[in-house]
Amino acid sequence: MNVFSSIRARFTGWYLAVLTVLLIAMSIGTYVVLRNTLNANLDTVLTRRADELLRQPDFVLQLLDDRFQPPLGEVIGLFVPSDEGWEAIGLRLPDESIAEATIEAAAMGTPSHVTIDAEDEPPVRYFLIRYLPHVAPPDGLPDPRLPTPPGQAKVSEPTVLGLDRAILVVGRPADVVISALSALRNTLLLAVPLTLFLSAGGGLFLIRRALRPVDTMIATTRTIEETDLSRRISVQSHDELGRLSQTLNSMLNRLEEAFARQRQFTDDASHELRTPLSVIEAEATLALRRDRTAEEYRETLATIAEESVSMHRLINQLLTLARSDATDQESLETEDFDLGAIIIDVAAALRPLAQERSIALSTETSPLHVMGDPIRVRRLIVNLMDNAIRYTEPSGSVTATLVKEGGLAVFRVKDTGIGIAPEHLDTVFERFARADSSRHRGSEANGSGLGLAICRQIVQLHGGTIEVESTPGQGSIFTVRLRLTAN
């Protein structure tokens, strides 16, 4: 198995990748900030030291007389112009190492900092600034800060000393900066891999603990089979995994109910088909035992034909339910049609059946348009009106009405039939449901118990509702509500 097929491995890998990028970015940022801070501090020290030297009145004379002794490790000197360029005055001044452009820039009044790497010695950080002292020159020299006497040109100390273009150079070794940066670099090179190693171990431990409920769910679901859907996943938390467990349990509940309905449906269908098949088998067997008259054969064939029609109707209803189960509202092919016209058409087709039973069939409709499958809606109307006729006593009445209530088309079928007992109203729309024996007045009214289940499915496919009101001995009212077509 591929190692990255595991969520633990992928999560740990992504976690370490992100952490590595963050640690490297943080290390580089820390290194750069510390380097800039240390260099800025060293530059500040050099600037202050240069300012201090510019305030000393005898600094230049001591430097020219070779009497100035800088502190250990410090480099002090001057650059003065000469015929060959710039001449270095002072101790340990690597004049050949500083670019002439940097010196010229300082001579033009632009102080600058520069680092020079010397062989076998630590780098030195230099500060170059034009020599313009802040204090009075030594005794005997004109003070450039005092007012110039009338008729006399203003004289500065550098001019008096011949240093009017001199450049003061102050330098200190940068070994402290280099040592600090080296120590930081070594620390980061050790700390980053160690942090990643410890983070990988800690991450695996935490991921294993976090995904432990998933292992429990996997183990539980593996024990669930089609023949036993009663097991459930234990919900031990209220986080995302807890909600996932609740969702899976809800799905298992629905699956268990669906399988239970399927088994019940299969058992009921087998039971319903067993009766006509038994009748056909019995009639055929009896007819074949001895010779019979033509009339007896006709009676036997009539019985077989009647039972065949019953089986054919049951099979068609089963197919209708199966197709409805596989259809949802999104896949339903719909069109705009006049519901009132279909009701009138169905009533005209069923009126001969009502007249045969001496039942008054009437309609009260108006043109109302709905969006749906007209073939399925016609089957809905046929089933409701046919049921009303079959379960109504002779001289009774069946009335079909269609009215508009708000944005709904309300279709009602009212009969004066035998009614339905209150304890059976909740199950009257279930598949193979039978209200009670009083509803079965012989083969004519005997049905498969699927008609109202088909009605409910058709209504649900169209996003409507169906309900029943009934009083035993007085009749029933079936009400269907469908949404009107939006204008």
Protein backbone atom coordinates (compact mmCIF):
# COMPACT_ATOMS: atom_id res chain seq x y z
CA MET A 1 0.00 0.00 0.00
CA ASN A 2 1.26 3.46 -0.82
CA VAL A 3 2.43 5.20 2.35
CA PHE A 4 0.69 8.41 1.31
CA SER A 5 -2.67 6.62 1.02
CA SER A 6 -3.03 7.03 4.78
CA ILE A 7 -4.61 10.21 6.11
CA ARG A 8 -2.13 10.15 8.98
CA ALA A 9 0.84 10.11 6.60
CA ARG A 10 -0.57 12.81 4.33
CA PHE A 11 -1.57 15.03 7.23
CA THR A 12 1.82 14.59 8.91
CA GLY A 13 3.61 15.28 5.63
CA TRP A 14 1.68 18.49 4.98
CA TYR A 15 2.10 19.52 8.60
CA LEU A 16 5.87 19.04 8.47
CA ALA A 17 6.11 20.78 5.08
CA VAL A 18 4.27 23.85 6.37
CA LEU A 19 6.25 23.81 9.62
CA THR A 20 9.54 23.52 7.69
CA VAL A 21 8.71 26.52 5.53
CA LEU A 22 7.69 28.55 8.60
CA LEU A 23 10.83 27.59 10.56
CA ILE A 24 13.11 28.38 7.62
CA ALA A 25 11.38 31.71 7.03
CA MET A 26 11.56 32.54 10.74
CA SER A 27 15.25 31.53 10.90
CA ILE A 28 16.17 33.63 7.88
CA GLY A 29 14.16 36.56 9.24
CA THR A 30 15.80 36.26 12.67
CA TYR A 31 19.25 36.06 11.11
CA VAL A 32 18.70 39.08 8.87
CA VAL A 33 17.17 41.18 11.67
CA LEU A 34 20.01 40.35 14.08
CA ARG A 35 22.65 41.04 11.42
CA ASN A 36 21.11 44.41 10.56
CA THR A 37 20.69 45.28 14.25
CA LEU A 38 24.31 44.41 15.13
CA ASN A 39 25.66 46.29 12.10
CA ALA A 40 23.45 49.27 12.95
CA ASN A 41 24.74 49.25 16.55
CA LEU A 42 28.34 49.06 15.35
CA ASP A 43 27.73 51.90 12.90
CA THR A 44 26.24 53.97 15.73
CA VAL A 45 29.33 53.33 17.85
CA LEU A 46 31.62 54.36 14.99
CA THR A 47 29.59 57.51 14.32
CA ARG A 48 29.70 58.53 17.97
CA ARG A 49 33.44 57.82 18.10
CA ALA A 50 34.02 60.01 15.03
CA ASP A 51 31.98 62.81 16.57
CA GLU A 52 34.03 62.47 19.76
CA LEU A 53 37.29 62.79 17.82
CA LEU A 54 36.04 65.83 15.95
CA ARG A 55 35.48 67.51 19.32
CA GLN A 56 39.07 66.91 20.54
CA PRO A 57 41.21 70.06 19.89
CA ASP A 58 44.59 68.30 19.73
CA PHE A 59 43.52 65.16 17.88
CA VAL A 60 44.86 66.25 14.49
CA LEU A 61 48.21 67.46 15.85
CA GLN A 62 48.73 64.21 17.75
CA LEU A 63 47.87 62.22 14.66
CA LEU A 64 50.21 64.26 12.49
CA ASP A 65 53.05 63.97 15.05
CA ASP A 66 52.44 60.24 15.33
CA ARG A 67 51.58 60.65 19.01
CA PHE A 68 47.94 59.51 18.90
CA GLN A 69 47.42 56.04 20.36
CA PRO A 70 43.92 54.61 19.65
CA PRO A 71 42.43 51.97 21.94
CA LEU A 72 43.29 48.36 21.26
CA GLY A 73 41.53 47.06 18.16
CA GLU A 74 40.43 50.50 17.00
CA VAL A 75 41.60 52.01 13.72
CA ILE A 76 41.89 55.82 13.51
CA GLY A 77 43.32 57.76 10.59
CA LEU A 78 42.93 60.38 7.91
CA PHE A 79 42.82 60.43 4.18
CA VAL A 80 44.42 63.60 2.75
CA PRO A 81 44.69 64.52 -0.91
CA SER A 82 48.09 64.20 -2.54
CA ASP A 83 49.55 64.37 -6.03
CA GLU A 84 49.06 60.62 -6.40
CA GLY A 85 45.51 60.53 -5.07
CA TRP A 86 44.74 60.00 -1.39
CA GLU A 87 47.40 59.53 1.29
CA ALA A 88 46.65 57.65 4.52
CA ILE A 89 47.80 59.21 7.79
CA GLY A 90 47.53 57.12 10.94
CA LEU A 91 48.01 53.60 12.20
CA ARG A 92 46.83 50.33 10.67
CA LEU A 93 44.91 52.09 7.91
CA PRO A 94 44.53 49.78 4.89
CA ASP A 95 44.26 52.62 2.40
CA GLU A 96 44.51 50.31 -0.57
CA SER A 97 41.43 48.41 0.66
CA ILE A 98 38.93 51.31 0.64
CA ALA A 99 37.57 52.22 -2.75
CA GLU A 100 38.47 55.70 -3.99
CA ALA A 101 34.82 56.32 -4.88
CA THR A 102 33.87 55.87 -1.22
CA ILE A 103 36.57 58.35 -0.18
CA GLU A 104 35.46 60.86 -2.82
CA ALA A 105 31.85 60.56 -1.63
CA ALA A 106 32.93 61.35 1.94
CA ALA A 107 34.96 64.30 0.67
CA MET A 108 31.82 65.62 -1.00
CA GLY A 109 29.97 65.54 2.36
CA THR A 110 28.33 62.08 2.21
CA PRO A 111 29.42 59.96 5.22
CA SER A 112 29.51 56.23 4.55
CA HIS A 113 30.08 52.88 6.25
CA VAL A 114 32.06 50.10 4.61
CA THR A 115 33.29 46.67 5.69
CA ILE A 116 36.74 45.48 4.59
CA ASP A 117 37.75 41.82 4.79
CA ALA A 118 41.43 41.42 5.61
CA GLU A 119 43.40 38.21 5.15
CA ASP A 120 43.92 36.15 8.32
CA GLU A 121 42.10 38.84 10.32
CA PRO A 122 38.46 39.52 11.13
CA PRO A 123 36.65 42.01 8.93
CA VAL A 124 36.80 45.68 9.95
CA ARG A 125 33.88 48.07 9.78
CA TYR A 126 34.88 51.64 8.81
CA PHE A 127 33.11 54.98 9.04
CA LEU A 128 34.30 57.76 6.70
CA ILE A 129 33.37 61.42 7.23
CA ARG A 130 34.82 64.73 6.10
CA TYR A 131 37.04 66.29 8.75
CA LEU A 132 35.19 69.41 10.02
CA PRO A 133 36.00 69.85 13.73
CA HIS A 134 33.30 71.02 16.17
CA VAL A 135 35.73 72.86 18.55
CA ALA A 136 38.30 75.67 18.36
CA PRO A 137 41.67 74.81 16.81
CA PRO A 138 44.84 74.66 18.92
CA ASP A 139 46.55 77.86 20.14
CA GLY A 140 48.11 79.93 17.42
CA LEU A 141 45.60 78.87 14.76
CA PRO A 142 42.72 81.08 13.59
CA ASP A 143 39.32 79.95 14.92
CA PRO A 144 37.03 79.32 11.93
CA ARG A 145 33.98 79.70 14.15
CA LEU A 146 34.75 83.33 15.12
CA PRO A 147 33.71 86.33 12.95
CA THR A 148 36.27 87.08 10.27
CA PRO A 149 37.97 90.52 10.65
CA PRO A 150 37.06 93.07 7.97
CA GLY A 151 39.07 92.64 4.81
CA GLN A 152 40.23 89.13 5.79
CA ALA A 153 38.96 85.91 4.21
CA LYS A 154 37.31 83.35 6.48
CA VAL A 155 39.83 80.69 7.48
CA SER A 156 39.02 77.18 8.66
CA GLU A 157 41.16 74.78 10.68
CA PRO A 158 41.51 72.27 7.85
CA THR A 159 42.70 75.10 5.62
CA VAL A 160 45.20 76.26 8.21
CA LEU A 161 46.54 72.75 8.61
CA GLY A 162 46.33 71.94 4.94
CA LEU A 163 43.50 69.49 5.66
CA ASP A 164 40.61 71.27 4.00
CA ARG A 165 39.69 68.02 2.13
CA ALA A 166 40.74 65.55 4.79
CA ILE A 167 38.60 62.46 5.49
CA LEU A 168 38.39 61.09 9.03
CA VAL A 169 38.34 57.29 9.19
CA VAL A 170 37.19 55.36 12.26
CA GLY A 171 37.17 51.56 12.25
CA ARG A 172 36.52 48.65 14.58
CA PRO A 173 36.72 44.90 14.03
CA ALA A 174 33.39 43.27 13.23
CA ASP A 175 34.35 39.99 14.93
CA VAL A 176 31.65 40.46 17.60
CA VAL A 177 29.01 40.71 14.91
CA ILE A 178 30.44 37.73 13.05
CA SER A 179 30.65 35.64 16.23
CA ALA A 180 27.07 36.43 17.21
CA LEU A 181 25.78 35.63 13.72
CA SER A 182 27.82 32.42 13.59
CA ALA A 183 26.46 31.31 16.97
CA LEU A 184 22.92 32.07 15.83
CA ARG A 185 23.46 30.21 12.56
CA ASN A 186 24.79 27.12 14.33
CA THR A 187 21.92 27.23 16.82
CA LEU A 188 19.34 27.44 14.05
CA LEU A 189 20.98 24.61 12.09
CA LEU A 190 20.63 22.42 15.16
CA ALA A 191 17.28 23.70 16.43
CA VAL A 192 15.32 23.51 13.17
CA PRO A 193 15.91 19.77 12.44
CA LEU A 194 15.41 18.94 16.13
CA THR A 195 12.15 20.88 16.18
CA LEU A 196 10.96 19.12 13.03
CA PHE A 197 11.83 15.71 14.48
CA LEU A 198 10.00 16.39 17.75
CA SER A 199 7.07 17.93 15.87
CA ALA A 200 6.79 14.85 13.64
CA GLY A 201 6.63 12.57 16.68
CA GLY A 202 4.17 14.81 18.49
CA GLY A 203 2.08 15.27 15.36
CA LEU A 204 1.82 11.52 14.77
CA PHE A 205 0.80 11.01 18.39
CA LEU A 206 -1.88 13.71 18.24
CA ILE A 207 -3.18 12.58 14.84
CA ARG A 208 -3.40 8.99 16.07
CA ARG A 209 -5.42 10.12 19.08
CA ALA A 210 -7.60 12.41 16.95
CA LEU A 211 -8.35 9.68 14.39
CA ARG A 212 -8.91 6.90 16.91
CA PRO A 213 -12.72 7.40 16.66
CA VAL A 214 -12.40 6.88 12.90
CA ASP A 215 -10.82 3.47 13.49
CA THR A 216 -13.70 2.65 15.83
CA MET A 217 -16.22 3.70 13.16
CA ILE A 218 -14.44 1.59 10.54
CA ALA A 219 -14.41 -1.46 12.82
CA THR A 220 -18.09 -1.01 13.62
CA THR A 221 -19.22 -0.48 10.04
CA ARG A 222 -17.32 -3.59 8.93
CA THR A 223 -19.46 -5.67 11.26
CA ILE A 224 -22.69 -4.27 9.79
CA GLU A 225 -24.20 -6.49 7.12
CA GLU A 226 -27.33 -6.43 5.02
CA THR A 227 -28.90 -9.07 7.25
CA ASP A 228 -28.13 -7.15 10.45
CA LEU A 229 -28.38 -3.37 10.35
CA SER A 230 -29.14 -2.99 14.04
CA ARG A 231 -25.58 -2.08 15.14
CA ARG A 232 -24.76 1.60 15.61
CA ILE A 233 -21.60 3.65 15.95
CA SER A 234 -20.89 4.89 19.47
CA VAL A 235 -20.98 8.70 19.65
CA GLN A 236 -18.42 9.85 22.23
CA SER A 237 -17.93 13.51 21.32
CA HIS A 238 -19.74 16.51 19.89
CA ASP A 239 -17.05 17.58 17.43
CA GLU A 240 -16.88 16.92 13.69
CA LEU A 241 -16.26 13.20 14.21
CA GLY A 242 -19.18 13.04 16.62
CA ARG A 243 -21.44 14.67 14.03
CA LEU A 244 -20.10 12.24 11.42
CA SER A 245 -21.02 9.34 13.72
CA GLN A 246 -24.52 10.75 14.18
CA THR A 247 -24.87 11.17 10.41
CA LEU A 248 -23.77 7.58 9.78
CA ASN A 249 -26.17 6.35 12.44
CA SER A 250 -28.99 8.29 10.81
CA MET A 251 -28.07 6.78 7.46
CA LEU A 252 -28.06 3.30 9.03
CA ASN A 253 -31.50 4.00 10.50
CA ARG A 254 -32.80 4.93 7.07
CA LEU A 255 -31.16 1.89 5.49
CA GLU A 256 -32.61 -0.40 8.13
CA GLU A 257 -36.06 1.06 7.59
CA ALA A 258 -35.65 0.79 3.81
CA PHE A 259 -34.57 -2.85 4.02
CA ALA A 260 -37.42 -3.57 6.41
CA ARG A 261 -39.87 -1.97 3.98
CA GLN A 262 -38.32 -3.89 1.12
CA ARG A 263 -38.65 -7.18 2.98
CA GLN A 264 -42.21 -6.34 3.96
CA PHE A 265 -42.97 -5.29 0.41
CA THR A 266 -41.55 -8.55 -0.94
CA ASP A 267 -43.47 -10.60 1.58
CA ASP A 268 -46.69 -8.75 0.84
CA ALA A 269 -46.21 -9.00 -2.92
CA SER A 270 -45.53 -12.73 -2.60
CA HIS A 271 -48.64 -13.12 -0.49
CA GLU A 272 -50.77 -11.14 -2.93
CA LEU A 273 -49.52 -13.15 -5.91
CA ARG A 274 -49.88 -16.47 -4.09
CA THR A 275 -53.69 -16.25 -3.94
CA PRO A 276 -54.41 -15.80 -7.68
CA LEU A 277 -51.72 -18.32 -8.57
CA SER A 278 -53.26 -20.84 -6.19
CA VAL A 279 -56.71 -20.26 -7.69
CA ILE A 280 -55.36 -20.68 -11.22
CA GLU A 281 -53.50 -23.84 -10.24
CA ALA A 282 -56.53 -25.31 -8.48
CA GLU A 283 -58.93 -24.52 -11.31
CA ALA A 284 -56.59 -25.93 -13.93
CA THR A 285 -55.91 -29.08 -11.87
CA LEU A 286 -59.61 -29.75 -11.30
CA ALA A 287 -60.38 -29.17 -14.96
CA LEU A 288 -57.76 -31.72 -16.01
CA ARG A 289 -58.81 -34.51 -13.61
CA ARG A 290 -61.83 -35.55 -15.69
CA ASP A 291 -63.72 -34.56 -18.74
CA ARG A 292 -66.04 -31.63 -18.23
CA THR A 293 -68.76 -29.96 -20.20
CA ALA A 294 -68.07 -26.94 -22.35
CA GLU A 295 -69.90 -24.75 -19.85
CA GLU A 296 -67.74 -26.00 -16.98
CA TYR A 297 -64.60 -25.35 -19.04
CA ARG A 298 -65.83 -21.83 -19.79
CA GLU A 299 -66.41 -21.20 -16.08
CA THR A 300 -62.93 -22.49 -15.27
CA LEU A 301 -61.35 -20.35 -17.98
CA ALA A 302 -63.37 -17.33 -16.81
CA THR A 303 -62.04 -17.80 -13.28
CA ILE A 304 -58.50 -18.17 -14.56
CA ALA A 305 -58.90 -15.06 -16.72
CA GLU A 306 -60.26 -13.06 -13.79
CA GLU A 307 -57.33 -14.06 -11.59
CA SER A 308 -54.91 -13.32 -14.44
CA VAL A 309 -56.37 -9.82 -14.74
CA SER A 310 -55.95 -9.40 -10.98
CA MET A 311 -52.30 -10.51 -11.20
CA HIS A 312 -51.72 -8.25 -14.20
CA ARG A 313 -53.10 -5.28 -12.30
CA LEU A 314 -50.95 -6.11 -9.26
CA ILE A 315 -47.80 -6.46 -11.35
CA ASN A 316 -48.50 -3.15 -13.11
CA GLN A 317 -48.95 -1.45 -9.75
CA LEU A 318 -45.71 -2.96 -8.48
CA LEU A 319 -43.92 -1.67 -11.58
CA THR A 320 -45.47 1.76 -11.03
CA LEU A 321 -44.19 1.85 -7.46
CA ALA A 322 -40.73 0.65 -8.50
CA ARG A 323 -40.48 3.37 -11.15
CA SER A 324 -41.69 5.99 -8.71
CA ASP A 325 -39.06 4.87 -6.20
CA ALA A 326 -36.39 5.48 -8.84
CA THR A 327 -37.76 8.93 -9.74
CA ASP A 328 -37.16 12.16 -7.86
CA GLN A 329 -38.48 15.67 -8.35
CA GLU A 330 -35.38 16.76 -10.31
CA SER A 331 -35.65 13.94 -12.88
CA LEU A 332 -39.46 14.22 -13.21
CA GLU A 333 -40.46 15.37 -16.69
CA THR A 334 -42.96 18.15 -16.10
CA GLU A 335 -45.13 20.44 -18.18
CA ASP A 336 -47.84 23.01 -17.63
CA PHE A 337 -51.33 21.47 -17.90
CA ASP A 338 -54.92 22.15 -16.88
CA LEU A 339 -55.76 20.00 -13.85
CA GLY A 340 -59.49 20.75 -14.16
CA ALA A 341 -59.62 19.37 -17.70
CA ILE A 342 -58.03 16.08 -16.58
CA ILE A 343 -60.56 15.73 -13.73
CA ILE A 344 -63.48 16.22 -16.14
CA ASP A 345 -61.96 13.71 -18.58
CA VAL A 346 -61.43 11.07 -15.86
CA ALA A 347 -64.98 11.60 -14.53
CA ALA A 348 -66.39 11.03 -18.03
CA ALA A 349 -64.40 7.79 -18.34
CA LEU A 350 -65.57 6.48 -14.94
CA ARG A 351 -69.19 7.58 -15.23
CA PRO A 352 -70.33 4.26 -16.84
CA LEU A 353 -68.87 2.36 -13.86
CA ALA A 354 -70.70 4.70 -11.46
CA GLN A 355 -73.96 4.32 -13.37
CA GLU A 356 -73.60 0.52 -13.29
CA ARG A 357 -73.47 0.74 -9.49
CA SER A 358 -76.26 3.36 -9.31
CA ILE A 359 -73.85 5.95 -7.93
CA ALA A 360 -74.19 9.64 -8.74
CA LEU A 361 -70.82 10.99 -9.97
CA SER A 362 -70.47 14.78 -10.21
CA THR A 363 -67.66 17.30 -10.65
CA GLU A 364 -67.17 20.93 -9.69
CA THR A 365 -64.00 22.26 -11.28
CA SER A 366 -62.45 25.36 -12.78
CA PRO A 367 -59.44 25.75 -15.08
CA LEU A 368 -56.37 25.63 -12.82
CA HIS A 369 -52.91 25.05 -14.23
CA VAL A 370 -50.20 23.12 -12.38
CA MET A 371 -46.67 22.04 -13.30
CA GLY A 372 -46.10 18.30 -13.33
CA ASP A 373 -46.38 15.00 -15.17
CA PRO A 374 -49.95 14.86 -16.56
CA ILE A 375 -49.81 11.06 -17.00
CA ARG A 376 -48.94 10.44 -13.34
CA VAL A 377 -51.45 13.05 -12.15
CA ARG A 378 -54.15 11.37 -14.27
CA ARG A 379 -53.33 8.03 -12.59
CA LEU A 380 -53.65 9.76 -9.21
CA ILE A 381 -57.12 11.08 -10.07
CA VAL A 382 -58.23 7.74 -11.52
CA ASN A 383 -57.16 5.82 -8.41
CA LEU A 384 -58.93 8.20 -6.00
CA MET A 385 -62.18 8.40 -7.96
CA ASP A 386 -62.20 4.65 -8.73
CA ASN A 387 -61.69 3.85 -5.04
CA ALA A 388 -64.52 6.22 -4.11
CA ILE A 389 -66.88 4.50 -6.56
CA ARG A 390 -65.92 0.95 -5.53
CA TYR A 391 -66.35 1.62 -1.79
CA THR A 392 -69.66 3.49 -2.07
CA GLU A 393 -72.95 1.70 -1.63
CA PRO A 394 -75.56 1.81 -4.42
CA SER A 395 -77.62 5.02 -4.51
CA GLY A 396 -74.65 6.82 -2.98
CA SER A 397 -72.72 9.74 -4.47
CA VAL A 398 -69.15 10.68 -5.37
CA THR A 399 -68.19 14.31 -5.86
CA ALA A 400 -64.88 15.58 -7.27
CA THR A 401 -64.09 19.27 -6.73
CA LEU A 402 -61.18 21.51 -7.67
CA VAL A 403 -60.72 24.94 -6.06
CA LYS A 404 -57.97 27.46 -5.63
CA GLU A 405 -56.69 28.17 -2.13
CA GLY A 406 -53.88 30.71 -2.09
CA GLY A 407 -51.17 29.42 -4.42
CA LEU A 408 -52.47 25.86 -4.32
CA ALA A 409 -54.83 23.81 -6.43
CA VAL A 410 -56.96 21.74 -4.00
CA PHE A 411 -58.56 18.57 -5.41
CA ARG A 412 -61.09 16.72 -3.23
CA VAL A 413 -62.91 13.43 -3.77
CA LYS A 414 -65.86 13.01 -1.42
CA ASP A 415 -67.97 9.86 -1.24
CA THR A 416 -70.84 8.57 0.88
CA GLY A 417 -69.29 5.13 1.19
CA ILE A 418 -68.54 2.81 4.07
CA GLY A 419 -65.71 4.96 5.41
CA ILE A 420 -62.49 4.03 7.21
CA ALA A 421 -62.09 3.26 10.90
CA PRO A 422 -60.03 5.87 12.83
CA GLU A 423 -57.36 3.35 13.82
CA HIS A 424 -56.60 2.69 10.14
CA LEU A 425 -56.34 6.30 8.94
CA ASP A 426 -52.61 6.52 9.70
CA THR A 427 -51.76 3.46 7.59
CA VAL A 428 -54.21 3.81 4.73
CA PHE A 429 -51.46 5.11 2.41
CA GLU A 430 -49.01 2.32 3.24
CA ARG A 431 -48.29 -0.36 0.67
CA PHE A 432 -50.59 -3.40 0.86
CA ALA A 433 -52.55 -1.67 3.60
CA ARG A 434 -56.10 -2.83 4.19
CA ALA A 435 -58.51 -0.76 6.20
CA ASP A 436 -60.75 -3.57 7.49
CA SER A 437 -62.87 -6.43 6.25
CA SER A 438 -65.86 -4.19 5.78
CA ARG A 439 -64.01 -2.51 2.91
CA HIS A 440 -63.90 -5.81 1.01
CA ARG A 441 -67.30 -6.44 -0.32
CA GLY A 442 -66.31 -9.15 -2.72
CA SER A 443 -63.97 -9.30 -5.63
CA GLU A 444 -65.15 -6.08 -7.18
CA ALA A 445 -63.98 -3.92 -4.29
CA ASN A 446 -61.10 -6.17 -3.36
CA GLY A 447 -57.85 -4.51 -4.34
CA SER A 448 -54.13 -5.04 -3.95
CA GLY A 449 -53.69 -2.35 -1.34
CA LEU A 450 -51.32 -0.43 -3.60
CA GLY A 451 -53.63 2.19 -5.11
CA LEU A 452 -53.40 4.74 -2.30
CA ALA A 453 -49.65 4.08 -1.88
CA ILE A 454 -49.24 4.98 -5.56
CA CYS A 455 -51.33 8.12 -4.99
CA ARG A 456 -49.09 9.24 -2.14
CA GLN A 457 -45.93 8.67 -4.18
CA ILE A 458 -47.29 10.67 -7.12
CA VAL A 459 -48.24 13.56 -4.84
CA GLN A 460 -44.83 13.53 -3.14
CA LEU A 461 -43.05 13.54 -6.51
CA HIS A 462 -44.94 16.74 -7.34
CA GLY A 463 -44.14 18.37 -4.01
CA GLY A 464 -47.74 18.26 -2.83
CA THR A 465 -49.67 16.74 0.06
CA ILE A 466 -52.48 14.19 0.38
CA GLU A 467 -54.68 13.55 3.40
CA VAL A 468 -57.88 11.72 4.27
CA GLU A 469 -60.85 12.39 6.52
CA SER A 470 -63.32 9.60 7.12
CA THR A 471 -66.26 8.59 9.32
CA PRO A 472 -67.27 4.92 9.31
CA GLY A 473 -70.68 4.48 7.65
CA GLN A 474 -70.77 8.07 6.35
CA GLY A 475 -67.97 8.29 3.80
CA SER A 476 -64.47 9.63 3.19
CA ILE A 477 -62.86 12.77 1.81
CA PHE A 478 -59.44 12.57 0.12
CA THR A 479 -57.72 15.94 -0.36
CA VAL A 480 -54.78 16.61 -2.65
CA ARG A 481 -52.89 19.94 -2.72
CA LEU A 482 -50.56 20.84 -5.60
CA ARG A 483 -48.74 24.08 -6.34
CA LEU A 484 -50.23 26.24 -9.04
CA THR A 485 -48.09 27.25 -12.00
CA ALA A 486 -46.31 30.53 -11.31
CA ASN A 487 -47.55 33.20 -13.69
